[in-house]
């Protein structure tokens, strides 16, 4: 059951002070490949899943930054945990465009 919403912002220190956007795009690809429902925002991405899936995803995101030879990464993470279940739409559905 999806009982957790996790928002994450990856802030990589790029190897040669390059633009961070291509690295953030790589992180978003990992999120897409996870198969978990998600929503990309301008400053963070929100993922819906169970707590364990979300924690594993954080590790995968950081592992990818290491593969890309990023010297260091800040991961700002927020969790909203509801044991009975939660969806992204529960919180934002009323703002979605039709």
N, C-alpha and C. Protein backbone atom coordinates (compact mmCIF):
# COMPACT_ATOMS: atom_id res chain seq x y z
N UNK A 1 0.84 -1.18 0.00
CA UNK A 1 0.00 0.00 0.00
C UNK A 1 0.88 1.25 0.00
N UNK A 2 0.48 2.23 -0.78
CA UNK A 2 1.20 3.51 -0.80
C UNK A 2 0.81 4.30 0.44
N UNK A 3 1.76 4.37 1.38
CA UNK A 3 1.48 5.05 2.63
C UNK A 3 2.38 6.26 2.85
N UNK A 4 3.18 6.60 1.83
CA UNK A 4 4.16 7.67 2.01
C UNK A 4 4.24 8.54 0.76
N UNK A 5 4.29 9.83 0.99
CA UNK A 5 4.68 10.78 -0.05
C UNK A 5 6.06 11.28 0.34
N UNK A 6 6.98 11.25 -0.61
CA UNK A 6 8.32 11.73 -0.36
C UNK A 6 8.65 12.78 -1.41
N UNK A 7 9.09 13.93 -0.96
CA UNK A 7 9.59 14.94 -1.89
C UNK A 7 11.10 14.98 -1.73
N UNK A 8 11.79 15.04 -2.87
CA UNK A 8 13.25 15.05 -2.83
C UNK A 8 13.78 16.10 -3.80
N UNK A 9 14.80 16.78 -3.34
CA UNK A 9 15.55 17.73 -4.16
C UNK A 9 17.01 17.27 -4.10
N UNK A 10 17.56 16.96 -5.26
CA UNK A 10 18.96 16.56 -5.37
C UNK A 10 19.76 17.79 -5.77
N UNK A 11 20.79 18.08 -5.00
CA UNK A 11 21.66 19.22 -5.30
C UNK A 11 23.09 18.69 -5.43
N UNK A 12 23.50 18.36 -6.66
CA UNK A 12 24.84 17.84 -6.83
C UNK A 12 25.88 18.95 -6.96
N UNK A 13 27.05 18.70 -6.40
CA UNK A 13 28.20 19.56 -6.69
C UNK A 13 28.83 18.94 -7.92
N UNK A 14 28.75 19.61 -9.03
CA UNK A 14 29.20 19.02 -10.28
C UNK A 14 30.73 18.99 -10.36
N UNK A 15 31.28 18.02 -11.10
CA UNK A 15 32.73 17.83 -11.13
C UNK A 15 33.52 19.07 -11.55
N UNK A 16 33.06 19.79 -12.55
CA UNK A 16 33.80 20.95 -13.05
C UNK A 16 32.94 22.20 -13.04
N UNK A 17 32.08 22.29 -12.03
CA UNK A 17 31.15 23.41 -11.91
C UNK A 17 30.23 23.56 -13.11
N UNK A 18 29.87 22.43 -13.72
CA UNK A 18 28.91 22.47 -14.82
C UNK A 18 27.51 22.78 -14.27
N UNK A 19 26.61 23.02 -15.20
CA UNK A 19 25.20 23.21 -14.87
C UNK A 19 24.68 21.93 -14.20
N UNK A 20 23.88 22.08 -13.15
CA UNK A 20 23.36 20.90 -12.43
C UNK A 20 22.18 20.24 -13.14
N UNK A 21 21.54 20.95 -14.06
CA UNK A 21 20.30 20.43 -14.66
C UNK A 21 20.48 19.06 -15.31
N UNK A 22 21.52 18.79 -16.09
CA UNK A 22 21.66 17.44 -16.65
C UNK A 22 21.76 16.35 -15.56
N UNK A 23 22.34 16.68 -14.43
CA UNK A 23 22.44 15.73 -13.33
C UNK A 23 21.07 15.52 -12.67
N UNK A 24 20.32 16.59 -12.52
CA UNK A 24 18.96 16.49 -11.99
C UNK A 24 18.10 15.67 -12.95
N UNK A 25 18.28 15.88 -14.26
CA UNK A 25 17.55 15.08 -15.25
C UNK A 25 17.86 13.59 -15.08
N UNK A 26 19.11 13.27 -14.78
CA UNK A 26 19.48 11.87 -14.53
C UNK A 26 18.75 11.33 -13.30
N UNK A 27 18.64 12.14 -12.26
CA UNK A 27 17.92 11.73 -11.06
C UNK A 27 16.44 11.49 -11.38
N UNK A 28 15.85 12.37 -12.17
CA UNK A 28 14.44 12.21 -12.54
C UNK A 28 14.25 10.94 -13.36
N UNK A 29 15.22 10.59 -14.19
CA UNK A 29 15.13 9.34 -14.96
C UNK A 29 15.09 8.13 -14.02
N UNK A 30 15.89 8.16 -12.97
CA UNK A 30 15.87 7.07 -11.98
C UNK A 30 14.49 6.97 -11.34
N UNK A 31 13.91 8.12 -11.02
CA UNK A 31 12.56 8.15 -10.44
C UNK A 31 11.55 7.58 -11.43
N UNK A 32 11.63 7.99 -12.69
CA UNK A 32 10.73 7.47 -13.72
C UNK A 32 10.86 5.96 -13.83
N UNK A 33 12.09 5.48 -13.84
CA UNK A 33 12.34 4.04 -14.00
C UNK A 33 11.90 3.23 -12.80
N UNK A 34 11.67 3.89 -11.66
CA UNK A 34 11.25 3.17 -10.45
C UNK A 34 9.85 2.59 -10.58
N UNK A 35 9.04 3.17 -11.47
CA UNK A 35 7.67 2.73 -11.63
C UNK A 35 6.71 3.30 -10.59
N UNK A 36 7.23 4.07 -9.66
CA UNK A 36 6.39 4.69 -8.64
C UNK A 36 5.71 5.94 -9.20
N UNK A 37 4.49 6.23 -8.78
CA UNK A 37 3.86 7.48 -9.20
C UNK A 37 4.69 8.67 -8.69
N UNK A 38 4.81 9.68 -9.53
CA UNK A 38 5.61 10.85 -9.14
C UNK A 38 5.09 12.09 -9.83
N UNK A 39 5.52 13.22 -9.32
CA UNK A 39 5.19 14.50 -9.93
C UNK A 39 6.42 15.40 -9.81
N UNK A 40 6.90 15.87 -10.96
CA UNK A 40 8.05 16.77 -10.99
C UNK A 40 7.56 18.19 -10.76
N UNK A 41 8.20 18.87 -9.84
CA UNK A 41 7.93 20.28 -9.58
C UNK A 41 9.16 21.09 -9.96
N UNK A 42 9.08 22.39 -9.88
CA UNK A 42 10.20 23.22 -10.29
C UNK A 42 11.42 23.11 -9.38
N UNK A 43 11.22 22.73 -8.12
CA UNK A 43 12.34 22.68 -7.18
C UNK A 43 12.51 21.33 -6.50
N UNK A 44 11.54 20.44 -6.66
CA UNK A 44 11.62 19.11 -6.06
C UNK A 44 10.65 18.19 -6.78
N UNK A 45 10.85 16.90 -6.58
CA UNK A 45 9.96 15.90 -7.16
C UNK A 45 9.31 15.13 -6.02
N UNK A 46 8.01 14.88 -6.15
CA UNK A 46 7.27 14.13 -5.14
C UNK A 46 6.97 12.74 -5.68
N UNK A 47 7.25 11.74 -4.85
CA UNK A 47 7.06 10.34 -5.21
C UNK A 47 6.08 9.72 -4.22
N UNK A 48 5.26 8.82 -4.72
CA UNK A 48 4.26 8.11 -3.91
C UNK A 48 4.65 6.65 -3.85
N UNK A 49 4.69 6.08 -2.65
CA UNK A 49 5.01 4.65 -2.51
C UNK A 49 4.92 4.24 -1.06
N UNK A 50 5.49 3.07 -0.77
CA UNK A 50 5.60 2.75 0.65
C UNK A 50 6.96 3.24 1.15
N UNK A 51 7.09 3.39 2.43
CA UNK A 51 8.29 4.00 3.01
C UNK A 51 9.56 3.29 2.55
N UNK A 52 9.56 1.98 2.53
CA UNK A 52 10.75 1.23 2.14
C UNK A 52 11.14 1.54 0.69
N UNK A 53 10.16 1.58 -0.21
CA UNK A 53 10.45 1.90 -1.61
C UNK A 53 11.08 3.28 -1.73
N UNK A 54 10.57 4.22 -0.96
CA UNK A 54 11.09 5.59 -1.01
C UNK A 54 12.53 5.65 -0.51
N UNK A 55 12.82 4.93 0.56
CA UNK A 55 14.17 4.92 1.10
C UNK A 55 15.16 4.28 0.13
N UNK A 56 14.74 3.20 -0.50
CA UNK A 56 15.58 2.54 -1.51
C UNK A 56 15.84 3.49 -2.67
N UNK A 57 14.83 4.25 -3.06
CA UNK A 57 14.98 5.19 -4.17
C UNK A 57 16.00 6.27 -3.84
N UNK A 58 16.02 6.76 -2.61
CA UNK A 58 17.03 7.75 -2.23
C UNK A 58 18.43 7.18 -2.45
N UNK A 59 18.64 5.92 -2.05
CA UNK A 59 19.95 5.29 -2.24
C UNK A 59 20.30 5.20 -3.72
N UNK A 60 19.33 4.81 -4.55
CA UNK A 60 19.58 4.71 -6.00
C UNK A 60 19.95 6.06 -6.60
N UNK A 61 19.28 7.11 -6.16
CA UNK A 61 19.58 8.45 -6.67
C UNK A 61 21.00 8.86 -6.30
N UNK A 62 21.38 8.61 -5.07
CA UNK A 62 22.73 8.97 -4.64
C UNK A 62 23.78 8.08 -5.31
N UNK A 63 23.47 6.81 -5.50
CA UNK A 63 24.39 5.91 -6.22
C UNK A 63 24.63 6.40 -7.64
N UNK A 64 23.57 6.88 -8.28
CA UNK A 64 23.72 7.39 -9.66
C UNK A 64 24.62 8.62 -9.69
N UNK A 65 24.49 9.49 -8.72
CA UNK A 65 25.37 10.66 -8.67
C UNK A 65 26.83 10.24 -8.51
N UNK A 66 27.08 9.20 -7.72
CA UNK A 66 28.44 8.67 -7.57
C UNK A 66 28.94 8.13 -8.91
N UNK A 67 28.09 7.39 -9.63
CA UNK A 67 28.45 6.87 -10.95
C UNK A 67 28.82 8.00 -11.91
N UNK A 68 28.15 9.13 -11.77
CA UNK A 68 28.41 10.29 -12.63
C UNK A 68 29.60 11.11 -12.14
N UNK A 69 30.27 10.60 -11.11
CA UNK A 69 31.47 11.22 -10.55
C UNK A 69 31.22 12.61 -9.95
N UNK A 70 30.05 12.74 -9.35
CA UNK A 70 29.74 13.96 -8.61
C UNK A 70 30.50 13.91 -7.29
N UNK A 71 31.29 14.94 -6.98
CA UNK A 71 32.09 14.92 -5.75
C UNK A 71 31.25 14.85 -4.47
N UNK A 72 30.07 15.49 -4.48
CA UNK A 72 29.19 15.44 -3.31
C UNK A 72 27.77 15.79 -3.74
N UNK A 73 26.83 15.33 -2.94
CA UNK A 73 25.42 15.56 -3.25
C UNK A 73 24.67 15.88 -1.96
N UNK A 74 23.85 16.89 -2.02
CA UNK A 74 22.91 17.16 -0.93
C UNK A 74 21.55 16.63 -1.39
N UNK A 75 20.92 15.83 -0.56
CA UNK A 75 19.57 15.34 -0.84
C UNK A 75 18.65 15.90 0.24
N UNK A 76 17.80 16.81 -0.16
CA UNK A 76 16.81 17.35 0.78
C UNK A 76 15.53 16.54 0.61
N UNK A 77 15.10 15.91 1.69
CA UNK A 77 14.00 14.95 1.62
C UNK A 77 12.93 15.31 2.65
N UNK A 78 11.68 15.20 2.23
CA UNK A 78 10.54 15.37 3.13
C UNK A 78 9.64 14.15 2.99
N UNK A 79 9.12 13.66 4.10
CA UNK A 79 8.19 12.53 4.10
C UNK A 79 6.86 12.94 4.71
N UNK A 80 5.79 12.43 4.11
CA UNK A 80 4.45 12.52 4.71
C UNK A 80 3.95 11.09 4.75
N UNK A 81 3.86 10.54 5.94
CA UNK A 81 3.51 9.13 6.12
C UNK A 81 2.12 9.00 6.71
N UNK A 82 1.27 8.25 6.03
CA UNK A 82 -0.11 8.02 6.48
C UNK A 82 -0.35 6.52 6.42
N UNK A 83 -0.36 5.82 7.55
CA UNK A 83 -0.49 4.37 7.55
C UNK A 83 -1.71 3.84 6.79
N UNK A 84 -2.79 4.62 6.75
CA UNK A 84 -4.00 4.17 6.05
C UNK A 84 -3.89 4.34 4.53
N UNK A 85 -2.86 5.04 4.07
CA UNK A 85 -2.66 5.25 2.64
C UNK A 85 -2.79 6.71 2.26
N UNK A 86 -2.03 7.10 1.24
CA UNK A 86 -2.02 8.48 0.77
C UNK A 86 -1.64 8.49 -0.70
N UNK A 87 -2.19 9.46 -1.43
CA UNK A 87 -1.80 9.66 -2.83
C UNK A 87 -1.43 11.12 -3.04
N UNK A 88 -0.70 11.37 -4.09
CA UNK A 88 -0.35 12.74 -4.44
C UNK A 88 -1.63 13.54 -4.67
N UNK A 89 -2.59 12.92 -5.36
CA UNK A 89 -3.84 13.61 -5.69
C UNK A 89 -4.64 14.00 -4.45
N UNK A 90 -4.48 13.25 -3.36
CA UNK A 90 -5.18 13.59 -2.13
C UNK A 90 -4.84 15.02 -1.71
N UNK A 91 -3.57 15.40 -1.89
CA UNK A 91 -3.13 16.72 -1.45
C UNK A 91 -3.23 17.78 -2.54
N UNK A 92 -3.07 17.37 -3.81
CA UNK A 92 -2.99 18.39 -4.87
C UNK A 92 -4.05 18.27 -5.94
N UNK A 93 -4.88 17.26 -5.88
CA UNK A 93 -5.87 17.02 -6.94
C UNK A 93 -6.75 18.21 -7.24
N UNK A 94 -7.10 18.98 -6.23
CA UNK A 94 -7.99 20.12 -6.46
C UNK A 94 -7.30 21.22 -7.26
N UNK A 95 -5.96 21.15 -7.40
CA UNK A 95 -5.23 22.14 -8.16
C UNK A 95 -4.88 21.68 -9.58
N UNK A 96 -5.13 20.40 -9.88
CA UNK A 96 -4.79 19.86 -11.19
C UNK A 96 -5.69 20.47 -12.26
N UNK A 97 -5.10 20.72 -13.41
CA UNK A 97 -5.86 21.24 -14.55
C UNK A 97 -6.61 20.10 -15.21
N UNK A 98 -7.73 20.40 -15.74
CA UNK A 98 -8.54 19.36 -16.42
C UNK A 98 -8.40 19.55 -17.89
